[in-house]
């Protein structure tokens, strides 16, 4: 009898990989699948610049936040030299970048431990946000209304650029510290 070993490998475009990172971050915040799919579609169309997941307290004040931001100009440049991302990257869990895994888990754990409710916001690229009709269409498509609550106190922020996706950054914010 011989022992068989199976491996799982994947190759995706940079854009698909970026879309997945947005999906993973939204999953950590407990966002509904339909909403995640709509945001991922917006990312795929390069209409979305950033998404933030946030936790807010009973007084409806924001306490924590994790924002994923993509630089589409840099993405276009990097796509010329490295158009695909392949499995086997150090620290990746399946198709999830370690930066999203760490930030997402920390966000979810902090929200749970602090008893916070969670939600998300979307920031569109300038070509969308500067065109009132296009902006309204995207907001309607994604079912977006309102805005994120005010901060409980001035937030402290730290940022991290992705090692394998240089066009992406994660921004972690926490009220007062």
Foldseek 3Di string as FASTA:
>chain_A
DDDDDDDDKDKDFLLVLLLVLQLLLVVLLVDDPLLSVLVSVCSSVQFFFKKKKFWADPVQATFKIKMKGFDVVVSVVVCVVPGMDMPDDPCADVSYANVSVVQSVVRSVVCVVVVTRMDMDIDTDCVQVVDVVSVVVSCVSSVDDDDRHHHPADWDKDKDAGPVNRRMMMIIIGHPD
